[in-house]
C-alpha atoms as a PDB file:
ATOM      1  CA  MET A   1     -44.234  74.230  76.656  1.00  0.00           C
ATOM      2  CA  ASP A   2     -47.627  72.730  75.861  1.00  0.00           C
ATOM      3  CA  TYR A   3     -47.168  68.976  75.302  1.00  0.00           C
ATOM      4  CA  GLN A   4     -49.868  66.479  75.715  1.00  0.00           C
ATOM      5  CA  ILE A   5     -48.914  63.093  77.225  1.00  0.00           C
ATOM      6  CA  ILE A   6     -50.319  59.993  75.562  1.00  0.00           C
ATOM      7  CA  VAL A   7     -50.246  56.575  77.263  1.00  0.00           C
ATOM      8  CA  ASP A   8     -51.600  53.169  76.422  1.00  0.00           C
ATOM      9  CA  SER A   9     -54.046  51.620  78.800  1.00  0.00           C
ATOM     10  CA  CYS A  10     -51.323  49.433  80.486  1.00  0.00           C
ATOM     11  CA  CYS A  11     -50.503  52.748  82.264  1.00  0.00           C
ATOM     12  CA  ASP A  12     -52.559  52.509  85.476  1.00  0.00           C
ATOM     13  CA  LEU A  13     -54.208  55.918  86.215  1.00  0.00           C
ATOM     14  CA  THR A  14     -57.060  57.011  88.415  1.00  0.00           C
ATOM     15  CA  PRO A  15     -59.435  59.571  86.773  1.00  0.00           C
ATOM     16  CA  GLU A  16     -58.047  62.266  89.159  1.00  0.00           C
ATOM     17  CA  LEU A  17     -54.375  61.415  88.273  1.00  0.00           C
ATOM     18  CA  LYS A  18     -55.256  61.219  84.557  1.00  0.00           C
ATOM     19  CA  GLU A  19     -56.679  64.739  84.797  1.00  0.00           C
ATOM     20  CA  GLN A  20     -53.744  66.052  86.733  1.00  0.00           C
ATOM     21  CA  LEU A  21     -51.393  64.716  84.021  1.00  0.00           C
ATOM     22  CA  GLY A  22     -53.517  65.868  81.166  1.00  0.00           C
ATOM     23  CA  ALA A  23     -52.950  62.369  79.813  1.00  0.00           C
ATOM     24  CA  VAL A  24     -54.757  60.822  76.835  1.00  0.00           C
ATOM     25  CA  SER A  25     -55.133  57.041  77.317  1.00  0.00           C
ATOM     26  CA  ILE A  26     -55.302  54.825  74.192  1.00  0.00           C
ATOM     27  CA  PRO A  27     -57.190  51.677  75.071  1.00  0.00           C
ATOM     28  CA  MET A  28     -55.926  48.169  74.359  1.00  0.00           C
ATOM     29  CA  THR A  29     -58.191  45.321  73.419  1.00  0.00           C
ATOM     30  CA  LEU A  30     -58.748  42.565  75.957  1.00  0.00           C
ATOM     31  CA  ARG A  31     -59.775  38.974  74.898  1.00  0.00           C
ATOM     32  CA  LEU A  32     -61.411  36.210  76.889  1.00  0.00           C
ATOM     33  CA  GLY A  33     -61.706  33.355  74.512  1.00  0.00           C
ATOM     34  CA  GLN A  34     -63.619  34.751  71.564  1.00  0.00           C
ATOM     35  CA  LYS A  35     -65.099  37.736  73.546  1.00  0.00           C
ATOM     36  CA  GLU A  36     -63.465  41.172  73.254  1.00  0.00           C
ATOM     37  CA  PHE A  37     -63.476  44.106  75.681  1.00  0.00           C
ATOM     38  CA  VAL A  38     -62.207  47.713  75.124  1.00  0.00           C
ATOM     39  CA  ASP A  39     -59.934  48.837  77.952  1.00  0.00           C
ATOM     40  CA  ASP A  40     -61.324  52.346  78.312  1.00  0.00           C
ATOM     41  CA  GLU A  41     -63.305  54.311  80.884  1.00  0.00           C
ATOM     42  CA  ASN A  42     -66.385  52.347  79.886  1.00  0.00           C
ATOM     43  CA  LEU A  43     -65.003  49.024  80.874  1.00  0.00           C
ATOM     44  CA  ASP A  44     -66.914  47.440  83.787  1.00  0.00           C
ATOM     45  CA  LEU A  45     -63.910  46.187  85.631  1.00  0.00           C
ATOM     46  CA  PRO A  46     -65.659  44.051  88.253  1.00  0.00           C
ATOM     47  CA  GLU A  47     -67.755  42.394  85.528  1.00  0.00           C
ATOM     48  CA  PHE A  48     -64.650  41.898  83.425  1.00  0.00           C
ATOM     49  CA  MET A  49     -62.846  40.257  86.337  1.00  0.00           C
ATOM     50  CA  THR A  50     -65.817  37.958  87.041  1.00  0.00           C
ATOM     51  CA  GLU A  51     -65.837  36.792  83.413  1.00  0.00           C
ATOM     52  CA  MET A  52     -62.047  36.446  83.384  1.00  0.00           C
ATOM     53  CA  MET A  53     -61.915  34.185  86.439  1.00  0.00           C
ATOM     54  CA  ALA A  54     -64.718  32.096  84.990  1.00  0.00           C
ATOM     55  CA  CYS A  55     -62.995  31.794  81.546  1.00  0.00           C
ATOM     56  CA  THR A  56     -61.430  28.505  80.759  1.00  0.00           C
ATOM     57  CA  GLU A  57     -60.112  29.660  77.336  1.00  0.00           C
ATOM     58  CA  HIS A  58     -57.035  31.678  76.401  1.00  0.00           C
ATOM     59  CA  ALA A  59     -56.859  35.214  77.841  1.00  0.00           C
ATOM     60  CA  SER A  60     -54.876  37.843  75.984  1.00  0.00           C
ATOM     61  CA  SER A  61     -54.586  41.440  74.897  1.00  0.00           C
ATOM     62  CA  ALA A  62     -53.959  43.347  71.738  1.00  0.00           C
ATOM     63  CA  SER A  63     -52.031  46.646  71.601  1.00  0.00           C
ATOM     64  CA  PRO A  64     -53.722  49.826  70.213  1.00  0.00           C
ATOM     65  CA  PRO A  65     -53.556  50.126  66.381  1.00  0.00           C
ATOM     66  CA  PRO A  66     -51.226  52.884  64.863  1.00  0.00           C
ATOM     67  CA  MET A  67     -54.280  54.830  63.763  1.00  0.00           C
ATOM     68  CA  SER A  68     -55.346  55.308  67.316  1.00  0.00           C
ATOM     69  CA  PHE A  69     -52.009  56.779  68.224  1.00  0.00           C
ATOM     70  CA  LYS A  70     -52.071  58.902  65.034  1.00  0.00           C
ATOM     71  CA  GLU A  71     -55.486  60.362  65.918  1.00  0.00           C
ATOM     72  CA  ALA A  72     -54.331  61.218  69.421  1.00  0.00           C
ATOM     73  CA  ILE A  73     -51.151  62.835  68.138  1.00  0.00           C
ATOM     74  CA  GLU A  74     -53.106  65.021  65.692  1.00  0.00           C
ATOM     75  CA  ALA A  75     -55.365  66.297  68.482  1.00  0.00           C
ATOM     76  CA  ALA A  76     -52.370  68.477  69.763  1.00  0.00           C
ATOM     77  CA  GLU A  77     -49.351  70.389  68.320  1.00  0.00           C
ATOM     78  CA  ARG A  78     -46.874  68.544  70.486  1.00  0.00           C
ATOM     79  CA  SER A  79     -46.967  65.107  72.201  1.00  0.00           C
ATOM     80  CA  PHE A  80     -44.923  62.747  74.263  1.00  0.00           C
ATOM     81  CA  ILE A  81     -46.049  59.112  74.244  1.00  0.00           C
ATOM     82  CA  VAL A  82     -45.211  56.502  76.925  1.00  0.00           C
ATOM     83  CA  THR A  83     -45.926  52.798  76.186  1.00  0.00           C
ATOM     84  CA  ILE A  84     -45.609  49.376  77.827  1.00  0.00           C
ATOM     85  CA  SER A  85     -42.351  47.640  77.317  1.00  0.00           C
ATOM     86  CA  SER A  86     -41.670  46.809  73.723  1.00  0.00           C
ATOM     87  CA  GLN A  87     -40.558  43.415  74.906  1.00  0.00           C
ATOM     88  CA  LEU A  88     -44.077  42.637  76.091  1.00  0.00           C
ATOM     89  CA  SER A  89     -46.401  44.229  73.548  1.00  0.00           C
ATOM     90  CA  GLY A  90     -46.523  45.796  70.078  1.00  0.00           C
ATOM     91  CA  SER A  91     -47.806  48.995  71.545  1.00  0.00           C
ATOM     92  CA  TYR A  92     -44.410  50.746  71.221  1.00  0.00           C
ATOM     93  CA  ALA A  93     -44.067  49.727  67.591  1.00  0.00           C
ATOM     94  CA  ASN A  94     -47.552  50.817  66.796  1.00  0.00           C
ATOM     95  CA  ALA A  95     -46.966  54.127  68.521  1.00  0.00           C
ATOM     96  CA  GLU A  96     -43.866  54.746  66.336  1.00  0.00           C
ATOM     97  CA  LEU A  97     -46.006  53.828  63.298  1.00  0.00           C
ATOM     98  CA  GLY A  98     -48.715  56.233  64.334  1.00  0.00           C
ATOM     99  CA  LYS A  99     -46.057  58.912  64.840  1.00  0.00           C
ATOM    100  CA  ALA A 100     -44.702  58.365  61.318  1.00  0.00           C
ATOM    101  CA  MET A 101     -48.231  58.492  59.896  1.00  0.00           C
ATOM    102  CA  ALA A 102     -48.841  61.753  61.829  1.00  0.00           C
ATOM    103  CA  GLU A 103     -45.425  63.214  60.619  1.00  0.00           C
ATOM    104  CA  GLU A 104     -46.639  62.672  56.987  1.00  0.00           C
ATOM    105  CA  ASP A 105     -49.538  64.994  57.945  1.00  0.00           C
ATOM    106  CA  GLY A 106     -47.252  67.661  59.278  1.00  0.00           C
ATOM    107  CA  PHE A 107     -47.164  66.715  63.011  1.00  0.00           C
ATOM    108  CA  VAL A 108     -43.530  66.604  63.614  1.00  0.00           C
ATOM    109  CA  ASP A 109     -43.068  67.376  67.385  1.00  0.00           C
ATOM    110  CA  VAL A 110     -43.679  63.888  68.730  1.00  0.00           C
ATOM    111  CA  HIS A 111     -41.474  61.630  70.806  1.00  0.00           C
ATOM    112  CA  VAL A 112     -42.230  57.991  71.912  1.00  0.00           C
ATOM    113  CA  PHE A 113     -40.858  56.517  75.052  1.00  0.00           C
ATOM    114  CA  ASP A 114     -40.560  52.728  75.561  1.00  0.00           C
ATOM    115  CA  SER A 115     -41.031  52.520  79.400  1.00  0.00           C
ATOM    116  CA  LYS A 116     -39.387  49.185  79.503  1.00  0.00           C
ATOM    117  CA  SER A 117     -42.055  48.434  82.138  1.00  0.00           C
ATOM    118  CA  ALA A 118     -45.847  48.474  82.532  1.00  0.00           C
ATOM    119  CA  SER A 119     -48.467  49.532  85.072  1.00  0.00           C
ATOM    120  CA  ALA A 120     -46.719  51.342  87.937  1.00  0.00           C
ATOM    121  CA  GLY A 121     -43.635  51.843  85.885  1.00  0.00           C
ATOM    122  CA  GLU A 122     -45.496  53.545  83.023  1.00  0.00           C
ATOM    123  CA  THR A 123     -47.315  55.683  85.647  1.00  0.00           C
ATOM    124  CA  LEU A 124     -44.079  56.687  87.236  1.00  0.00           C
ATOM    125  CA  VAL A 125     -42.617  57.867  83.887  1.00  0.00           C
ATOM    126  CA  ALA A 126     -45.726  59.779  82.958  1.00  0.00           C
ATOM    127  CA  ILE A 127     -45.666  61.640  86.318  1.00  0.00           C
ATOM    128  CA  LYS A 128     -41.900  62.401  85.925  1.00  0.00           C
ATOM    129  CA  LEU A 129     -42.610  63.700  82.392  1.00  0.00           C
ATOM    130  CA  ARG A 130     -45.423  66.008  83.594  1.00  0.00           C
ATOM    131  CA  GLU A 131     -43.150  67.410  86.283  1.00  0.00           C
ATOM    132  CA  MET A 132     -40.499  68.279  83.783  1.00  0.00           C
ATOM    133  CA  LEU A 133     -42.973  69.811  81.385  1.00  0.00           C
ATOM    134  CA  ALA A 134     -44.443  71.915  84.188  1.00  0.00           C
ATOM    135  CA  ASN A 135     -40.952  73.213  84.992  1.00  0.00           C
ATOM    136  CA  GLY A 136     -40.342  74.323  81.385  1.00  0.00           C
ATOM    137  CA  ILE A 137     -37.442  71.915  80.778  1.00  0.00           C
ATOM    138  CA  PRO A 138     -36.342  71.954  77.056  1.00  0.00           C
ATOM    139  CA  LYS A 139     -37.436  68.934  74.967  1.00  0.00           C
ATOM    140  CA  ASP A 140     -33.908  67.608  74.385  1.00  0.00           C
ATOM    141  CA  GLN A 141     -33.167  67.648  78.067  1.00  0.00           C
ATOM    142  CA  ILE A 142     -36.518  65.936  78.887  1.00  0.00           C
ATOM    143  CA  ILE A 143     -35.799  63.122  76.431  1.00  0.00           C
ATOM    144  CA  LYS A 144     -32.343  62.498  77.879  1.00  0.00           C
ATOM    145  CA  THR A 145     -33.471  62.642  81.469  1.00  0.00           C
ATOM    146  CA  ILE A 146     -36.558  60.402  80.962  1.00  0.00           C
ATOM    147  CA  ASN A 147     -34.457  57.794  79.036  1.00  0.00           C
ATOM    148  CA  THR A 148     -31.917  57.732  81.928  1.00  0.00           C
ATOM    149  CA  PHE A 149     -34.871  57.491  84.426  1.00  0.00           C
ATOM    150  CA  ILE A 150     -36.349  54.566  82.499  1.00  0.00           C
ATOM    151  CA  GLU A 151     -32.916  52.799  82.406  1.00  0.00           C
ATOM    152  CA  ASN A 152     -32.493  53.053  86.206  1.00  0.00           C
ATOM    153  CA  MET A 153     -36.221  52.445  87.173  1.00  0.00           C
ATOM    154  CA  LYS A 154     -37.113  49.260  88.986  1.00  0.00           C
ATOM    155  CA  THR A 155     -40.425  47.349  88.598  1.00  0.00           C
ATOM    156  CA  TYR A 156     -41.504  44.309  90.560  1.00  0.00           C
ATOM    157  CA  PHE A 157     -44.838  42.396  90.788  1.00  0.00           C
ATOM    158  CA  VAL A 158     -46.207  39.640  92.842  1.00  0.00           C
ATOM    159  CA  LEU A 159     -49.315  37.507  91.911  1.00  0.00           C
ATOM    160  CA  GLU A 160     -51.776  35.787  94.121  1.00  0.00           C
ATOM    161  CA  ARG A 161     -53.297  33.707  91.284  1.00  0.00           C
ATOM    162  CA  TYR A 162     -51.402  32.045  88.394  1.00  0.00           C
ATOM    163  CA  GLU A 163     -54.311  30.802  86.402  1.00  0.00           C
ATOM    164  CA  ASN A 164     -53.831  33.331  83.509  1.00  0.00           C
ATOM    165  CA  LEU A 165     -50.146  32.530  83.365  1.00  0.00           C
ATOM    166  CA  ILE A 166     -51.037  28.919  83.055  1.00  0.00           C
ATOM    167  CA  LYS A 167     -53.663  29.472  80.481  1.00  0.00           C
ATOM    168  CA  ASN A 168     -51.217  31.575  78.437  1.00  0.00           C
ATOM    169  CA  GLY A 169     -48.637  28.820  78.609  1.00  0.00           C
ATOM    170  CA  ARG A 170     -46.129  30.952  80.577  1.00  0.00           C
ATOM    171  CA  LEU A 171     -46.260  28.629  83.611  1.00  0.00           C
ATOM    172  CA  ASN A 172     -47.065  24.987  83.466  1.00  0.00           C
ATOM    173  CA  LYS A 173     -49.867  23.511  85.506  1.00  0.00           C
ATOM    174  CA  ILE A 174     -47.675  21.447  87.799  1.00  0.00           C
ATOM    175  CA  THR A 175     -45.499  24.381  88.671  1.00  0.00           C
ATOM    176  CA  GLY A 176     -48.550  26.519  89.315  1.00  0.00           C
ATOM    177  CA  LYS A 177     -50.101  23.975  91.718  1.00  0.00           C
ATOM    178  CA  ILE A 178     -46.823  23.571  93.631  1.00  0.00           C
ATOM    179  CA  VAL A 179     -46.547  27.446  93.920  1.00  0.00           C
ATOM    180  CA  ASN A 180     -50.117  27.651  95.330  1.00  0.00           C
ATOM    181  CA  ILE A 181     -49.774  24.689  97.677  1.00  0.00           C
ATOM    182  CA  LEU A 182     -46.509  25.906  99.194  1.00  0.00           C
ATOM    183  CA  ASN A 183     -47.737  29.466  99.397  1.00  0.00           C
ATOM    184  CA  ILE A 184     -44.865  30.690  97.377  1.00  0.00           C
ATOM    185  CA  LYS A 185     -45.058  34.327  96.379  1.00  0.00           C
ATOM    186  CA  LEU A 186     -43.061  34.606  93.215  1.00  0.00           C
ATOM    187  CA  ILE A 187     -41.542  38.113  92.946  1.00  0.00           C
ATOM    188  CA  MET A 188     -41.001  38.941  89.298  1.00  0.00           C
ATOM    189  CA  GLY A 189     -40.103  42.066  87.489  1.00  0.00           C
ATOM    190  CA  SER A 190     -38.092  43.810  84.699  1.00  0.00           C
ATOM    191  CA  ASP A 191     -34.640  42.669  83.756  1.00  0.00           C
ATOM    192  CA  GLY A 192     -33.710  46.207  83.027  1.00  0.00           C
ATOM    193  CA  ASN A 193     -34.450  45.771  79.307  1.00  0.00           C
ATOM    194  CA  GLY A 194     -38.263  45.359  79.581  1.00  0.00           C
ATOM    195  CA  SER A 195     -38.354  41.642  79.777  1.00  0.00           C
ATOM    196  CA  ILE A 196     -39.678  39.712  82.715  1.00  0.00           C
ATOM    197  CA  ILE A 197     -37.484  37.597  85.062  1.00  0.00           C
ATOM    198  CA  LEU A 198     -37.909  35.881  88.457  1.00  0.00           C
ATOM    199  CA  HIS A 199     -36.255  37.834  91.262  1.00  0.00           C
ATOM    200  CA  ALA A 200     -37.210  35.858  94.400  1.00  0.00           C
ATOM    201  CA  LYS A 201     -39.366  32.990  95.746  1.00  0.00           C
ATOM    202  CA  PRO A 202     -40.396  33.958  99.265  1.00  0.00           C
ATOM    203  CA  ARG A 203     -43.038  31.869 101.143  1.00  0.00           C
ATOM    204  CA  GLY A 204     -45.905  33.822 102.679  1.00  0.00           C
ATOM    205  CA  THR A 205     -46.817  37.496 102.816  1.00  0.00           C
ATOM    206  CA  THR A 206     -44.336  38.481 105.527  1.00  0.00           C
ATOM    207  CA  GLN A 207     -41.338  37.072 103.714  1.00  0.00           C
ATOM    208  CA  MET A 208     -42.595  38.602 100.500  1.00  0.00           C
ATOM    209  CA  LEU A 209     -42.809  42.145 102.089  1.00  0.00           C
ATOM    210  CA  GLU A 210     -39.423  41.681 103.492  1.00  0.00           C
ATOM    211  CA  LYS A 211     -37.909  40.598 100.235  1.00  0.00           C
ATOM    212  CA  LEU A 212     -39.464  43.542  98.337  1.00  0.00           C
ATOM    213  CA  ASN A 213     -37.960  45.996 100.880  1.00  0.00           C
ATOM    214  CA  MET A 214     -34.591  44.131 100.430  1.00  0.00           C
ATOM    215  CA  LEU A 215     -34.897  44.648  96.581  1.00  0.00           C
ATOM    216  CA  ILE A 216     -35.380  48.380  97.175  1.00  0.00           C
ATOM    217  CA  LYS A 217     -32.330  48.563  99.431  1.00  0.00           C
ATOM    218  CA  SER A 218     -30.114  46.526  97.089  1.00  0.00           C
ATOM    219  CA  SER A 219     -31.234  48.501  94.049  1.00  0.00           C
ATOM    220  CA  ASN A 220     -28.960  51.361  94.884  1.00  0.00           C
ATOM    221  CA  ARG A 221     -31.741  53.595  93.627  1.00  0.00           C
ATOM    222  CA  PRO A 222     -32.085  56.944  95.549  1.00  0.00           C
ATOM    223  CA  THR A 223     -35.266  57.006  97.739  1.00  0.00           C
ATOM    224  CA  ASN A 224     -34.988  60.376  99.475  1.00  0.00           C
ATOM    225  CA  GLY A 225     -37.175  62.836  97.701  1.00  0.00           C
ATOM    226  CA  GLU A 226     -38.238  60.171  95.098  1.00  0.00           C
ATOM    227  CA  ARG A 227     -41.650  58.683  94.357  1.00  0.00           C
ATOM    228  CA  LEU A 228     -42.820  55.042  94.480  1.00  0.00           C
ATOM    229  CA  ILE A 229     -45.988  53.661  92.854  1.00  0.00           C
ATOM    230  CA  ILE A 230     -47.982  50.605  93.976  1.00  0.00           C
ATOM    231  CA  CYS A 231     -50.726  49.328  91.697  1.00  0.00           C
ATOM    232  CA  HIS A 232     -53.015  46.583  92.933  1.00  0.00           C
ATOM    233  CA  CYS A 233     -55.756  44.481  91.529  1.00  0.00           C
ATOM    234  CA  ASN A 234     -58.521  44.275  94.197  1.00  0.00           C
ATOM    235  CA  ASN A 235     -55.961  44.190  96.958  1.00  0.00           C
ATOM    236  CA  LEU A 236     -55.795  47.529  98.749  1.00  0.00           C
ATOM    237  CA  PRO A 237     -55.006  46.004 102.079  1.00  0.00           C
ATOM    238  CA  LEU A 238     -51.750  44.403 100.802  1.00  0.00           C
ATOM    239  CA  ALA A 239     -50.855  47.612  98.978  1.00  0.00           C
ATOM    240  CA  GLN A 240     -51.290  49.557 102.183  1.00  0.00           C
ATOM    241  CA  GLN A 241     -49.363  47.017 104.062  1.00  0.00           C
ATOM    242  CA  LEU A 242     -46.493  47.219 101.549  1.00  0.00           C
ATOM    243  CA  SER A 243     -46.608  51.003 101.674  1.00  0.00           C
ATOM    244  CA  ALA A 244     -46.414  51.028 105.454  1.00  0.00           C
ATOM    245  CA  SER A 245     -43.428  48.643 105.505  1.00  0.00           C
ATOM    246  CA  ILE A 246     -41.642  50.722 102.901  1.00  0.00           C
ATOM    247  CA  THR A 247     -42.368  54.024 104.859  1.00  0.00           C
ATOM    248  CA  LYS A 248     -40.640  52.519 107.945  1.00  0.00           C
ATOM    249  CA  LEU A 249     -37.400  51.852 106.078  1.00  0.00           C
ATOM    250  CA  PHE A 250     -37.139  54.494 103.360  1.00  0.00           C
ATOM    251  CA  ASN A 251     -37.815  58.235 102.806  1.00  0.00           C
ATOM    252  CA  PHE A 252     -39.719  58.337  99.630  1.00  0.00           C
ATOM    253  CA  LYS A 253     -41.412  61.763  99.276  1.00  0.00           C
ATOM    254  CA  GLU A 254     -44.590  60.078  98.051  1.00  0.00           C
ATOM    255  CA  ILE A 255     -46.040  56.617  97.740  1.00  0.00           C
ATOM    256  CA  ILE A 256     -49.077  56.479  95.476  1.00  0.00           C
ATOM    257  CA  ILE A 257     -51.432  53.494  95.495  1.00  0.00           C
ATOM    258  CA  ILE A 258     -53.527  52.990  92.370  1.00  0.00           C
ATOM    259  CA  PRO A 259     -56.023  50.260  91.376  1.00  0.00           C
ATOM    260  CA  THR A 260     -55.135  48.477  88.198  1.00  0.00           C
ATOM    261  CA  ARG A 261     -57.093  48.983  85.036  1.00  0.00           C
ATOM    262  CA  GLY A 262     -58.294  46.250  82.649  1.00  0.00           C
ATOM    263  CA  ALA A 263     -55.015  45.332  80.857  1.00  0.00           C
ATOM    264  CA  ILE A 264     -52.862  44.959  83.995  1.00  0.00           C
ATOM    265  CA  SER A 265     -55.806  43.297  85.819  1.00  0.00           C
ATOM    266  CA  LEU A 266     -55.813  40.654  83.075  1.00  0.00           C
ATOM    267  CA  TYR A 267     -52.086  39.728  83.793  1.00  0.00           C
ATOM    268  CA  ALA A 268     -51.726  40.625  87.391  1.00  0.00           C
ATOM    269  CA  ASP A 269     -54.997  38.699  88.013  1.00  0.00           C
ATOM    270  CA  ASP A 270     -57.007  39.054  91.178  1.00  0.00           C
ATOM    271  CA  LYS A 271     -55.062  40.293  94.228  1.00  0.00           C
ATOM    272  CA  GLY A 272     -51.843  40.918  92.230  1.00  0.00           C
ATOM    273  CA  ILE A 273     -49.638  43.966  92.953  1.00  0.00           C
ATOM    274  CA  VAL A 274     -47.132  45.911  90.914  1.00  0.00           C
ATOM    275  CA  MET A 275     -44.475  48.197  92.402  1.00  0.00           C
ATOM    276  CA  ALA A 276     -42.098  50.701  90.603  1.00  0.00           C
ATOM    277  CA  PHE A 277     -39.605  53.321  91.854  1.00  0.00           C
END
């Protein structure tokens, strides 16, 4: 069954993993004030991060337009699309519009998944999807299994810097200053429906790692033979520390560490990490 996998650029992939999955990544547009960046393989991420941290204006992103999805769909006979949560972006809606446009041109074998997540969560879904395709699982069964997988998947993230949340109005300045002064590591993540909620407020890295492991344990998600993804924005040491602590307590068959791309770097900010399983 020869299906291509299409993702938006909120799906964090290394070039090697992108090739393994045979994934086509549709770039989002990133904005720092009035300046725009295309989140594709040509984005100079270190330069973008430098400009982002120096920017005092509003920082935001725009989902890929429907035409971008349509063109990607029409490059193959069959496609599965995985997008960032529809509660966080218009990417899912635009992918559905792109699908409808492609269907008018006769491309009818297309399905769009709302990952109800981002970053590591999207990556996890894409890997699961490729495994099922490689095993020749029928399309209907793939759709049912992936939808169930998404419903049960857990995604958490921890930020080191809150400047972008403050600039975007999602965290007020006073709260942001208190969080930084007290060294509080806000653990946030999906509420199960794709929206973001606060899960815990540990102080310091040690408590944060302990709490993330407690969240894995209390999730009742299976870990034996399963996979966990950790994405990080310029914070490989913390990602490795988290991976080591998880390995001591659980039996995931694989823990994959991936650097974030532009879109997630914009929101996770410098030193942020995202975990999904």
